[in-house]
Amino acid sequence: PIAQAALREDLAALGAREGVTVFLTTHNMSEAEKLCGLVGVIRQGKLL
């Protein structure tokens, strides 16, 4: 959990600083809530 939080903070800071588009896959809802400006939910290959 500590390493996860540290990497999330770094990704958020780098994304803002670098100005890149980030395409992130995860099943960690907390991660998505903190990092993402847009989310898609998928199940068995279908976008819900």
All heavy atoms as atom14 arrays in JSON, in Angstrom:
{
  "sequence": "PIAQAALREDLAALGAREGVTVFLTTHNMSEAEKLCGLVGVIRQGKLL",
  "atom14_mask": [
    [1, 1, 1, 1, 1, 1, 1, 0, 0, 0, 0, 0, 0, 0],
    [1, 1, 1, 1, 1, 1, 1, 1, 0, 0, 0, 0, 0, 0],
    [1, 1, 1, 1, 1, 0, 0, 0, 0, 0, 0, 0, 0, 0],
    [1, 1, 1, 1, 1, 1, 1, 1, 1, 0, 0, 0, 0, 0],
    [1, 1, 1, 1, 1, 0, 0, 0, 0, 0, 0, 0, 0, 0],
    [1, 1, 1, 1, 1, 0, 0, 0, 0, 0, 0, 0, 0, 0],
    [1, 1, 1, 1, 1, 1, 1, 1, 0, 0, 0, 0, 0, 0],
    [1, 1, 1, 1, 1, 1, 1, 1, 1, 1, 1, 0, 0, 0],
    [1, 1, 1, 1, 1, 1, 1, 1, 1, 0, 0, 0, 0, 0],
    [1, 1, 1, 1, 1, 1, 1, 1, 0, 0, 0, 0, 0, 0],
    [1, 1, 1, 1, 1, 1, 1, 1, 0, 0, 0, 0, 0, 0],
    [1, 1, 1, 1, 1, 0, 0, 0, 0, 0, 0, 0, 0, 0],
    [1, 1, 1, 1, 1, 0, 0, 0, 0, 0, 0, 0, 0, 0],
    [1, 1, 1, 1, 1, 1, 1, 1, 0, 0, 0, 0, 0, 0],
    [1, 1, 1, 1, 0, 0, 0, 0, 0, 0, 0, 0, 0, 0],
    [1, 1, 1, 1, 1, 0, 0, 0, 0, 0, 0, 0, 0, 0],
    [1, 1, 1, 1, 1, 1, 1, 1, 1, 1, 1, 0, 0, 0],
    [1, 1, 1, 1, 1, 1, 1, 1, 1, 0, 0, 0, 0, 0],
    [1, 1, 1, 1, 0, 0, 0, 0, 0, 0, 0, 0, 0, 0],
    [1, 1, 1, 1, 1, 1, 1, 0, 0, 0, 0, 0, 0, 0],
    [1, 1, 1, 1, 1, 1, 1, 0, 0, 0, 0, 0, 0, 0],
    [1, 1, 1, 1, 1, 1, 1, 0, 0, 0, 0, 0, 0, 0],
    [1, 1, 1, 1, 1, 1, 1, 1, 1, 1, 1, 0, 0, 0],
    [1, 1, 1, 1, 1, 1, 1, 1, 0, 0, 0, 0, 0, 0],
    [1, 1, 1, 1, 1, 1, 1, 0, 0, 0, 0, 0, 0, 0],
    [1, 1, 1, 1, 1, 1, 1, 0, 0, 0, 0, 0, 0, 0],
    [1, 1, 1, 1, 1, 1, 1, 1, 1, 1, 0, 0, 0, 0],
    [1, 1, 1, 1, 1, 1, 1, 1, 0, 0, 0, 0, 0, 0],
    [1, 1, 1, 1, 1, 1, 1, 1, 0, 0, 0, 0, 0, 0],
    [1, 1, 1, 1, 1, 1, 0, 0, 0, 0, 0, 0, 0, 0],
    [1, 1, 1, 1, 1, 1, 1, 1, 1, 0, 0, 0, 0, 0],
    [1, 1, 1, 1, 1, 0, 0, 0, 0, 0, 0, 0, 0, 0],
    [1, 1, 1, 1, 1, 1, 1, 1, 1, 0, 0, 0, 0, 0],
    [1, 1, 1, 1, 1, 1, 1, 1, 1, 0, 0, 0, 0, 0],
    [1, 1, 1, 1, 1, 1, 1, 1, 0, 0, 0, 0, 0, 0],
    [1, 1, 1, 1, 1, 1, 0, 0, 0, 0, 0, 0, 0, 0],
    [1, 1, 1, 1, 0, 0, 0, 0, 0, 0, 0, 0, 0, 0],
    [1, 1, 1, 1, 1, 1, 1, 1, 0, 0, 0, 0, 0, 0],
    [1, 1, 1, 1, 1, 1, 1, 0, 0, 0, 0, 0, 0, 0],
    [1, 1, 1, 1, 0, 0, 0, 0, 0, 0, 0, 0, 0, 0],
    [1, 1, 1, 1, 1, 1, 1, 0, 0, 0, 0, 0, 0, 0],
    [1, 1, 1, 1, 1, 1, 1, 1, 0, 0, 0, 0, 0, 0],
    [1, 1, 1, 1, 1, 1, 1, 1, 1, 1, 1, 0, 0, 0],
    [1, 1, 1, 1, 1, 1, 1, 1, 1, 0, 0, 0, 0, 0],
    [1, 1, 1, 1, 0, 0, 0, 0, 0, 0, 0, 0, 0, 0],
    [1, 1, 1, 1, 1, 1, 1, 1, 1, 0, 0, 0, 0, 0],
    [1, 1, 1, 1, 1, 1, 1, 1, 0, 0, 0, 0, 0, 0],
    [1, 1, 1, 1, 1, 1, 1, 1, 0, 0, 0, 0, 0, 0]
  ],
  "atom14_positions": [
    [[0.8, -1.24, 0.0], [0.0, 0.0, 0.0], [0.83, 1.28, 0.0], [0.45, 2.27, -0.65], [-0.84, -0.12, 1.29], [-0.96, -1.59, 1.51], [0.34, -2.18, 1.05], [0.0, 0.0, 0.0], [0.0, 0.0, 0.0], [0.0, 0.0, 0.0], [0.0, 0.0, 0.0], [0.0, 0.0, 0.0], [0.0, 0.0, 0.0], [0.0, 0.0, 0.0]],
    [[1.95, 1.29, 0.71], [2.78, 2.51, 0.76], [3.4, 2.76, -0.61], [3.41, 3.9, -1.11], [3.87, 2.37, 1.84], [3.23, 2.33, 3.23], [4.87, 3.53, 1.75], [4.19, 2.07, 4.36], [0.0, 0.0, 0.0], [0.0, 0.0, 0.0], [0.0, 0.0, 0.0], [0.0, 0.0, 0.0], [0.0, 0.0, 0.0], [0.0, 0.0, 0.0]],
    [[3.92, 1.7, -1.25], [4.52, 1.85, -2.58], [3.46, 2.24, -3.61], [3.73, 3.04, -4.51], [5.22, 0.55, -2.99], [0.0, 0.0, 0.0], [0.0, 0.0, 0.0], [0.0, 0.0, 0.0], [0.0, 0.0, 0.0], [0.0, 0.0, 0.0], [0.0, 0.0, 0.0], [0.0, 0.0, 0.0], [0.0, 0.0, 0.0], [0.0, 0.0, 0.0]],
    [[2.25, 1.68, -3.48], [1.16, 2.06, -4.39], [0.86, 3.55, -4.29], [0.74, 4.24, -5.31], [-0.1, 1.27, -4.06], [-0.09, -0.17, -4.49], [-1.41, -0.86, -4.22], [-2.37, -0.24, -3.77], [-1.46, -2.15, -4.48], [0.0, 0.0, 0.0], [0.0, 0.0, 0.0], [0.0, 0.0, 0.0], [0.0, 0.0, 0.0], [0.0, 0.0, 0.0]],
    [[0.73, 4.04, -3.06], [0.41, 5.45, -2.85], [1.51, 6.35, -3.4], [1.24, 7.38, -4.03], [0.19, 5.73, -1.36], [0.0, 0.0, 0.0], [0.0, 0.0, 0.0], [0.0, 0.0, 0.0], [0.0, 0.0, 0.0], [0.0, 0.0, 0.0], [0.0, 0.0, 0.0], [0.0, 0.0, 0.0], [0.0, 0.0, 0.0], [0.0, 0.0, 0.0]],
    [[2.79, 5.95, -3.18], [3.92, 6.75, -3.66], [3.93, 6.81, -5.18], [4.14, 7.88, -5.77], [5.22, 6.16, -3.13], [0.0, 0.0, 0.0], [0.0, 0.0, 0.0], [0.0, 0.0, 0.0], [0.0, 0.0, 0.0], [0.0, 0.0, 0.0], [0.0, 0.0, 0.0], [0.0, 0.0, 0.0], [0.0, 0.0, 0.0], [0.0, 0.0, 0.0]],
    [[3.69, 5.67, -5.84], [3.71, 5.65, -7.3], [2.53, 6.44, -7.86], [2.67, 7.15, -8.86], [3.69, 4.21, -7.81], [3.79, 4.04, -9.33], [5.01, 4.76, -9.89], [3.82, 2.56, -9.71], [0.0, 0.0, 0.0], [0.0, 0.0, 0.0], [0.0, 0.0, 0.0], [0.0, 0.0, 0.0], [0.0, 0.0, 0.0], [0.0, 0.0, 0.0]],
    [[1.36, 6.35, -7.2], [0.21, 7.14, -7.66], [0.51, 8.63, -7.6], [0.18, 9.38, -8.52], [-1.02, 6.83, -6.8], [-1.81, 5.62, -7.23], [-3.2, 5.63, -6.64], [-3.18, 5.58, -5.19], [-3.24, 4.45, -4.49], [-3.29, 3.29, -5.09], [-3.26, 4.5, -3.17], [0.0, 0.0, 0.0], [0.0, 0.0, 0.0], [0.0, 0.0, 0.0]],
    [[1.13, 9.07, -6.51], [1.48, 10.49, -6.39], [2.45, 10.9, -7.49], [2.32, 11.98, -8.08], [2.1, 10.75, -5.02], [1.09, 10.7, -3.87], [1.75, 10.94, -2.52], [2.93, 11.33, -2.5], [1.08, 10.72, -1.49], [0.0, 0.0, 0.0], [0.0, 0.0, 0.0], [0.0, 0.0, 0.0], [0.0, 0.0, 0.0], [0.0, 0.0, 0.0]],
    [[3.43, 10.05, -7.76], [4.41, 10.36, -8.8], [3.73, 10.43, -10.17], [4.04, 11.31, -10.99], [5.52, 9.31, -8.82], [6.45, 9.43, -7.63], [6.67, 10.56, -7.15], [6.97, 8.4, -7.16], [0.0, 0.0, 0.0], [0.0, 0.0, 0.0], [0.0, 0.0, 0.0], [0.0, 0.0, 0.0], [0.0, 0.0, 0.0], [0.0, 0.0, 0.0]],
    [[2.82, 9.5, -10.45], [2.13, 9.5, -11.74], [1.29, 10.75, -11.91], [1.25, 11.35, -12.99], [1.25, 8.25, -11.86], [1.98, 6.92, -12.07], [1.0, 5.76, -12.02], [2.74, 6.91, -13.39], [0.0, 0.0, 0.0], [0.0, 0.0, 0.0], [0.0, 0.0, 0.0], [0.0, 0.0, 0.0], [0.0, 0.0, 0.0], [0.0, 0.0, 0.0]],
    [[0.59, 11.15, -10.84], [-0.23, 12.36, -10.92], [0.63, 13.59, -11.19], [0.3, 14.44, -12.03], [-1.02, 12.53, -9.62], [0.0, 0.0, 0.0], [0.0, 0.0, 0.0], [0.0, 0.0, 0.0], [0.0, 0.0, 0.0], [0.0, 0.0, 0.0], [0.0, 0.0, 0.0], [0.0, 0.0, 0.0], [0.0, 0.0, 0.0], [0.0, 0.0, 0.0]],
    [[1.76, 13.69, -10.49], [2.65, 14.84, -10.66], [3.3, 14.83, -12.04], [3.38, 15.87, -12.71], [3.72, 14.84, -9.57], [0.0, 0.0, 0.0], [0.0, 0.0, 0.0], [0.0, 0.0, 0.0], [0.0, 0.0, 0.0], [0.0, 0.0, 0.0], [0.0, 0.0, 0.0], [0.0, 0.0, 0.0], [0.0, 0.0, 0.0], [0.0, 0.0, 0.0]],
    [[3.74, 13.66, -12.48], [4.39, 13.57, -13.79], [3.4, 13.86, -14.91], [3.73, 14.53, -15.89], [4.99, 12.17, -13.98], [6.29, 11.88, -13.24], [6.62, 10.4, -13.32], [7.44, 12.7, -13.81], [0.0, 0.0, 0.0], [0.0, 0.0, 0.0], [0.0, 0.0, 0.0], [0.0, 0.0, 0.0], [0.0, 0.0, 0.0], [0.0, 0.0, 0.0]],
    [[2.17, 13.35, -14.77], [1.17, 13.6, -15.8], [0.92, 15.08, -15.98], [0.85, 15.58, -17.1], [0.0, 0.0, 0.0], [0.0, 0.0, 0.0], [0.0, 0.0, 0.0], [0.0, 0.0, 0.0], [0.0, 0.0, 0.0], [0.0, 0.0, 0.0], [0.0, 0.0, 0.0], [0.0, 0.0, 0.0], [0.0, 0.0, 0.0], [0.0, 0.0, 0.0]],
    [[0.82, 15.81, -14.86], [0.59, 17.25, -14.93], [1.8, 17.96, -15.51], [1.68, 18.89, -16.31], [0.27, 17.78, -13.53], [0.0, 0.0, 0.0], [0.0, 0.0, 0.0], [0.0, 0.0, 0.0], [0.0, 0.0, 0.0], [0.0, 0.0, 0.0], [0.0, 0.0, 0.0], [0.0, 0.0, 0.0], [0.0, 0.0, 0.0], [0.0, 0.0, 0.0]],
    [[2.99, 17.52, -15.1], [4.22, 18.2, -15.52], [4.56, 17.9, -16.98], [4.98, 18.77, -17.73], [5.38, 17.75, -14.61], [6.66, 18.55, -14.78], [7.75, 18.0, -13.88], [7.39, 18.1, -12.47], [7.24, 17.06, -11.66], [7.38, 15.83, -12.12], [6.92, 17.22, -10.39], [0.0, 0.0, 0.0], [0.0, 0.0, 0.0], [0.0, 0.0, 0.0]],
    [[4.39, 16.64, -17.38], [4.79, 16.23, -18.72], [3.75, 16.58, -19.78], [4.06, 16.68, -20.96], [5.04, 14.71, -18.74], [6.14, 14.24, -17.81], [7.52, 14.42, -18.41], [7.63, 14.43, -19.64], [8.48, 14.55, -17.63], [0.0, 0.0, 0.0], [0.0, 0.0, 0.0], [0.0, 0.0, 0.0], [0.0, 0.0, 0.0], [0.0, 0.0, 0.0]],
    [[2.48, 16.7, -19.37], [1.43, 17.0, -20.32], [1.1, 15.87, -21.26], [0.58, 16.09, -22.36], [0.0, 0.0, 0.0], [0.0, 0.0, 0.0], [0.0, 0.0, 0.0], [0.0, 0.0, 0.0], [0.0, 0.0, 0.0], [0.0, 0.0, 0.0], [0.0, 0.0, 0.0], [0.0, 0.0, 0.0], [0.0, 0.0, 0.0], [0.0, 0.0, 0.0]],
    [[1.38, 14.62, -20.85], [1.12, 13.47, -21.72], [-0.28, 12.94, -21.48], [-0.91, 13.19, -20.46], [2.14, 12.34, -21.46], [3.56, 12.8, -21.75], [2.03, 11.8, -20.04], [0.0, 0.0, 0.0], [0.0, 0.0, 0.0], [0.0, 0.0, 0.0], [0.0, 0.0, 0.0], [0.0, 0.0, 0.0], [0.0, 0.0, 0.0], [0.0, 0.0, 0.0]],
    [[-0.78, 12.19, -22.46], [-2.0, 11.42, -22.3], [-1.6, 10.08, -21.68], [-0.67, 9.43, -22.16], [-2.69, 11.19, -23.64], [-2.92, 12.44, -24.28], [-4.01, 10.45, -23.46], [0.0, 0.0, 0.0], [0.0, 0.0, 0.0], [0.0, 0.0, 0.0], [0.0, 0.0, 0.0], [0.0, 0.0, 0.0], [0.0, 0.0, 0.0], [0.0, 0.0, 0.0]],
    [[-2.3, 9.69, -20.63], [-2.0, 8.42, -19.96], [-3.19, 7.49, -20.12], [-4.33, 7.85, -19.79], [-1.71, 8.63, -18.45], [-1.43, 7.28, -17.77], [-0.55, 9.58, -18.26], [0.0, 0.0, 0.0], [0.0, 0.0, 0.0], [0.0, 0.0, 0.0], [0.0, 0.0, 0.0], [0.0, 0.0, 0.0], [0.0, 0.0, 0.0], [0.0, 0.0, 0.0]],
    [[-2.93, 6.29, -20.66], [-3.94, 5.24, -20.78], [-3.59, 4.19, -19.75], [-2.6, 3.48, -19.88], [-3.94, 4.65, -22.19], [-5.08, 3.7, -22.48], [-6.16, 4.12, -23.24], [-5.07, 2.39, -22.0], [-7.22, 3.24, -23.52], [-6.12, 1.52, -22.27], [-7.19, 1.95, -23.03], [0.0, 0.0, 0.0], [0.0, 0.0, 0.0], [0.0, 0.0, 0.0]],
    [[-4.39, 4.12, -18.69], [-4.07, 3.32, -17.51], [-5.1, 2.21, -17.36], [-6.3, 2.46, -17.38], [-4.1, 4.23, -16.28], [-4.06, 3.61, -14.9], [-2.63, 3.25, -14.54], [-4.62, 4.59, -13.87], [0.0, 0.0, 0.0], [0.0, 0.0, 0.0], [0.0, 0.0, 0.0], [0.0, 0.0, 0.0], [0.0, 0.0, 0.0], [0.0, 0.0, 0.0]],
    [[-4.64, 0.97, -17.21], [-5.57, -0.1, -16.88], [-5.4, -0.46, -15.41], [-4.29, -0.45, -14.88], [-5.35, -1.36, -17.72], [-4.13, -2.0, -17.34], [-5.32, -1.03, -19.2], [0.0, 0.0, 0.0], [0.0, 0.0, 0.0], [0.0, 0.0, 0.0], [0.0, 0.0, 0.0], [0.0, 0.0, 0.0], [0.0, 0.0, 0.0], [0.0, 0.0, 0.0]],
    [[-6.5, -0.76, -14.75], [-6.43, -1.1, -13.33], [-7.72, -1.77, -12.89], [-8.76, -1.63, -13.55], [-6.18, 0.15, -12.47], [-6.01, -0.22, -11.1], [-7.31, 1.15, -12.59], [0.0, 0.0, 0.0], [0.0, 0.0, 0.0], [0.0, 0.0, 0.0], [0.0, 0.0, 0.0], [0.0, 0.0, 0.0], [0.0, 0.0, 0.0], [0.0, 0.0, 0.0]],
    [[-7.67, -2.51, -11.79], [-8.91, -2.91, -11.11], [-8.92, -2.32, -9.7], [-9.69, -2.73, -8.85], [-9.08, -4.44, -11.08], [-7.93, -5.19, -10.48], [-6.99, -5.85, -11.24], [-7.56, -5.37, -9.2], [-6.1, -6.41, -10.44], [-6.43, -6.14, -9.2], [0.0, 0.0, 0.0], [0.0, 0.0, 0.0], [0.0, 0.0, 0.0], [0.0, 0.0, 0.0]],
    [[-8.05, -1.32, -9.49], [-7.97, -0.62, -8.21], [-8.81, 0.66, -8.31], [-8.42, 1.63, -8.95], [-6.5, -0.27, -7.91], [-6.32, 0.35, -6.54], [-7.09, 1.21, -6.12], [-5.27, -0.05, -5.84], [0.0, 0.0, 0.0], [0.0, 0.0, 0.0], [0.0, 0.0, 0.0], [0.0, 0.0, 0.0], [0.0, 0.0, 0.0], [0.0, 0.0, 0.0]],
    [[-9.99, 0.63, -7.69], [-10.92, 1.75, -7.81], [-10.39, 3.03, -7.18], [-10.59, 4.13, -7.69], [-12.27, 1.41, -7.18], [-12.98, 0.22, -7.8], [-13.33, 0.42, -9.56], [-12.19, -0.79, -10.24], [0.0, 0.0, 0.0], [0.0, 0.0, 0.0], [0.0, 0.0, 0.0], [0.0, 0.0, 0.0], [0.0, 0.0, 0.0], [0.0, 0.0, 0.0]],
    [[-9.69, 2.9, -6.05], [-9.13, 4.07, -5.39], [-8.11, 4.74, -6.29], [-8.05, 5.97, -6.39], [-8.49, 3.65, -4.06], [-7.81, 4.73, -3.47], [0.0, 0.0, 0.0], [0.0, 0.0, 0.0], [0.0, 0.0, 0.0], [0.0, 0.0, 0.0], [0.0, 0.0, 0.0], [0.0, 0.0, 0.0], [0.0, 0.0, 0.0], [0.0, 0.0, 0.0]],
    [[-7.32, 3.94, -6.96], [-6.32, 4.47, -7.89], [-6.98, 5.26, -9.01], [-6.57, 6.39, -9.32], [-5.55, 3.28, -8.48], [-4.42, 3.62, -9.4], [-3.58, 2.38, -9.67], [-2.77, 2.04, -8.79], [-3.76, 1.74, -10.71], [0.0, 0.0, 0.0], [0.0, 0.0, 0.0], [0.0, 0.0, 0.0], [0.0, 0.0, 0.0], [0.0, 0.0, 0.0]],
    [[-8.02, 4.68, -9.59], [-8.72, 5.36, -10.69], [-9.37, 6.66, -10.22], [-9.34, 7.68, -10.92], [-9.77, 4.43, -11.28], [0.0, 0.0, 0.0], [0.0, 0.0, 0.0], [0.0, 0.0, 0.0], [0.0, 0.0, 0.0], [0.0, 0.0, 0.0], [0.0, 0.0, 0.0], [0.0, 0.0, 0.0], [0.0, 0.0, 0.0], [0.0, 0.0, 0.0]],
    [[-9.96, 6.61, -9.03], [-10.65, 7.78, -8.5], [-9.69, 8.95, -8.29], [-10.03, 10.1, -8.51], [-11.33, 7.4, -7.18], [-12.57, 8.19, -6.87], [-13.55, 7.4, -6.01], [-13.24, 6.27, -5.59], [-14.63, 7.95, -5.77], [0.0, 0.0, 0.0], [0.0, 0.0, 0.0], [0.0, 0.0, 0.0], [0.0, 0.0, 0.0], [0.0, 0.0, 0.0]],
    [[-8.47, 8.64, -7.86], [-7.49, 9.68, -7.55], [-6.75, 10.19, -8.79], [-6.33, 11.34, -8.82], [-6.49, 9.15, -6.54], [-7.09, 8.93, -5.16], [-6.12, 8.25, -4.21], [-6.77, 8.01, -2.86], [-5.91, 7.23, -1.95], [0.0, 0.0, 0.0], [0.0, 0.0, 0.0], [0.0, 0.0, 0.0], [0.0, 0.0, 0.0], [0.0, 0.0, 0.0]],
    [[-6.6, 9.34, -9.81], [-5.76, 9.71, -10.94], [-6.52, 10.15, -12.2], [-6.03, 10.98, -12.96], [-4.87, 8.52, -11.34], [-3.66, 8.21, -10.47], [-2.97, 6.95, -10.96], [-2.68, 9.37, -10.48], [0.0, 0.0, 0.0], [0.0, 0.0, 0.0], [0.0, 0.0, 0.0], [0.0, 0.0, 0.0], [0.0, 0.0, 0.0], [0.0, 0.0, 0.0]],
    [[-7.7, 9.58, -12.43], [-8.29, 9.64, -13.76], [-9.29, 10.78, -13.94], [-10.14, 11.03, -13.08], [-8.98, 8.32, -14.09], [-7.84, 6.91, -14.07], [0.0, 0.0, 0.0], [0.0, 0.0, 0.0], [0.0, 0.0, 0.0], [0.0, 0.0, 0.0], [0.0, 0.0, 0.0], [0.0, 0.0, 0.0], [0.0, 0.0, 0.0], [0.0, 0.0, 0.0]],
    [[-9.2, 11.44, -15.09], [-10.18, 12.44, -15.48], [-11.31, 11.83, -16.27], [-12.36, 12.46, -16.46], [0.0, 0.0, 0.0], [0.0, 0.0, 0.0], [0.0, 0.0, 0.0], [0.0, 0.0, 0.0], [0.0, 0.0, 0.0], [0.0, 0.0, 0.0], [0.0, 0.0, 0.0], [0.0, 0.0, 0.0], [0.0, 0.0, 0.0], [0.0, 0.0, 0.0]],
    [[-11.12, 10.61, -16.75], [-12.13, 9.89, -17.51], [-11.89, 8.41, -17.28], [-10.74, 7.95, -17.28], [-12.01, 10.22, -19.01], [-13.09, 9.71, -19.96], [-14.42, 10.42, -19.68], [-12.68, 9.92, -21.41], [0.0, 0.0, 0.0], [0.0, 0.0, 0.0], [0.0, 0.0, 0.0], [0.0, 0.0, 0.0], [0.0, 0.0, 0.0], [0.0, 0.0, 0.0]],
    [[-12.97, 7.65, -17.05], [-12.81, 6.22, -16.85], [-13.79, 5.46, -17.73], [-14.89, 5.94, -18.04], [-13.03, 5.8, -15.37], [-11.99, 6.43, -14.48], [-14.42, 6.15, -14.88], [0.0, 0.0, 0.0], [0.0, 0.0, 0.0], [0.0, 0.0, 0.0], [0.0, 0.0, 0.0], [0.0, 0.0, 0.0], [0.0, 0.0, 0.0], [0.0, 0.0, 0.0]],
    [[-13.37, 4.28, -18.13], [-14.24, 3.34, -18.83], [-14.3, 2.06, -18.03], [-13.29, 1.64, -17.46], [0.0, 0.0, 0.0], [0.0, 0.0, 0.0], [0.0, 0.0, 0.0], [0.0, 0.0, 0.0], [0.0, 0.0, 0.0], [0.0, 0.0, 0.0], [0.0, 0.0, 0.0], [0.0, 0.0, 0.0], [0.0, 0.0, 0.0], [0.0, 0.0, 0.0]],
    [[-15.48, 1.45, -17.97], [-15.65, 0.19, -17.24], [-15.9, -0.92, -18.25], [-16.77, -0.8, -19.12], [-16.82, 0.27, -16.24], [-16.98, -1.05, -15.49], [-16.61, 1.42, -15.26], [0.0, 0.0, 0.0], [0.0, 0.0, 0.0], [0.0, 0.0, 0.0], [0.0, 0.0, 0.0], [0.0, 0.0, 0.0], [0.0, 0.0, 0.0], [0.0, 0.0, 0.0]],
    [[-15.12, -2.01, -18.12], [-15.19, -3.09, -19.1], [-15.42, -4.41, -18.38], [-14.91, -4.63, -17.27], [-13.9, -3.13, -19.96], [-14.06, -4.08, -21.12], [-12.68, -3.45, -19.13], [-12.94, -3.98, -22.16], [0.0, 0.0, 0.0], [0.0, 0.0, 0.0], [0.0, 0.0, 0.0], [0.0, 0.0, 0.0], [0.0, 0.0, 0.0], [0.0, 0.0, 0.0]],
    [[-16.18, -5.27, -19.01], [-16.4, -6.63, -18.5], [-16.54, -7.58, -19.67], [-17.31, -7.33, -20.59], [-17.66, -6.69, -17.63], [-17.93, -8.07, -17.02], [-19.15, -8.02, -16.09], [-19.35, -9.3, -15.43], [-20.13, -10.28, -15.91], [-20.75, -10.1, -17.06], [-20.26, -11.41, -15.25], [0.0, 0.0, 0.0], [0.0, 0.0, 0.0], [0.0, 0.0, 0.0]],
    [[-15.75, -8.67, -19.65], [-15.75, -9.66, -20.71], [-15.64, -9.02, -22.1], [-16.33, -9.38, -23.04], [-17.01, -10.53, -20.62], [-17.05, -11.39, -19.36], [-18.28, -12.25, -19.25], [-19.27, -12.04, -19.97], [-18.24, -13.24, -18.37], [0.0, 0.0, 0.0], [0.0, 0.0, 0.0], [0.0, 0.0, 0.0], [0.0, 0.0, 0.0], [0.0, 0.0, 0.0]],
    [[-14.74, -8.03, -22.18], [-14.47, -7.4, -23.46], [-15.44, -6.33, -23.9], [-15.24, -5.67, -24.91], [0.0, 0.0, 0.0], [0.0, 0.0, 0.0], [0.0, 0.0, 0.0], [0.0, 0.0, 0.0], [0.0, 0.0, 0.0], [0.0, 0.0, 0.0], [0.0, 0.0, 0.0], [0.0, 0.0, 0.0], [0.0, 0.0, 0.0], [0.0, 0.0, 0.0]],
    [[-16.53, -6.13, -23.12], [-17.54, -5.14, -23.49], [-17.39, -3.89, -22.65], [-17.26, -3.96, -21.43], [-18.95, -5.7, -23.29], [-19.33, -6.8, -24.26], [-20.78, -7.22, -24.03], [-21.19, -8.29, -25.02], [-22.61, -8.71, -24.79], [0.0, 0.0, 0.0], [0.0, 0.0, 0.0], [0.0, 0.0, 0.0], [0.0, 0.0, 0.0], [0.0, 0.0, 0.0]],
    [[-17.46, -2.73, -23.31], [-17.41, -1.46, -22.61], [-18.81, -1.16, -22.06], [-19.77, -1.03, -22.82], [-16.96, -0.36, -23.56], [-16.65, 1.0, -22.94], [-15.44, 0.91, -21.99], [-16.36, 2.03, -24.04], [0.0, 0.0, 0.0], [0.0, 0.0, 0.0], [0.0, 0.0, 0.0], [0.0, 0.0, 0.0], [0.0, 0.0, 0.0], [0.0, 0.0, 0.0]],
    [[-18.91, -1.02, -20.74], [-20.2, -0.82, -20.09], [-20.54, 0.64, -19.86], [-21.71, 1.02, -19.85], [-20.24, -1.56, -18.75], [-19.88, -3.04, -18.76], [-19.99, -3.62, -17.37], [-20.76, -3.81, -19.74], [0.0, 0.0, 0.0], [0.0, 0.0, 0.0], [0.0, 0.0, 0.0], [0.0, 0.0, 0.0], [0.0, 0.0, 0.0], [0.0, 0.0, 0.0]]
  ]
}
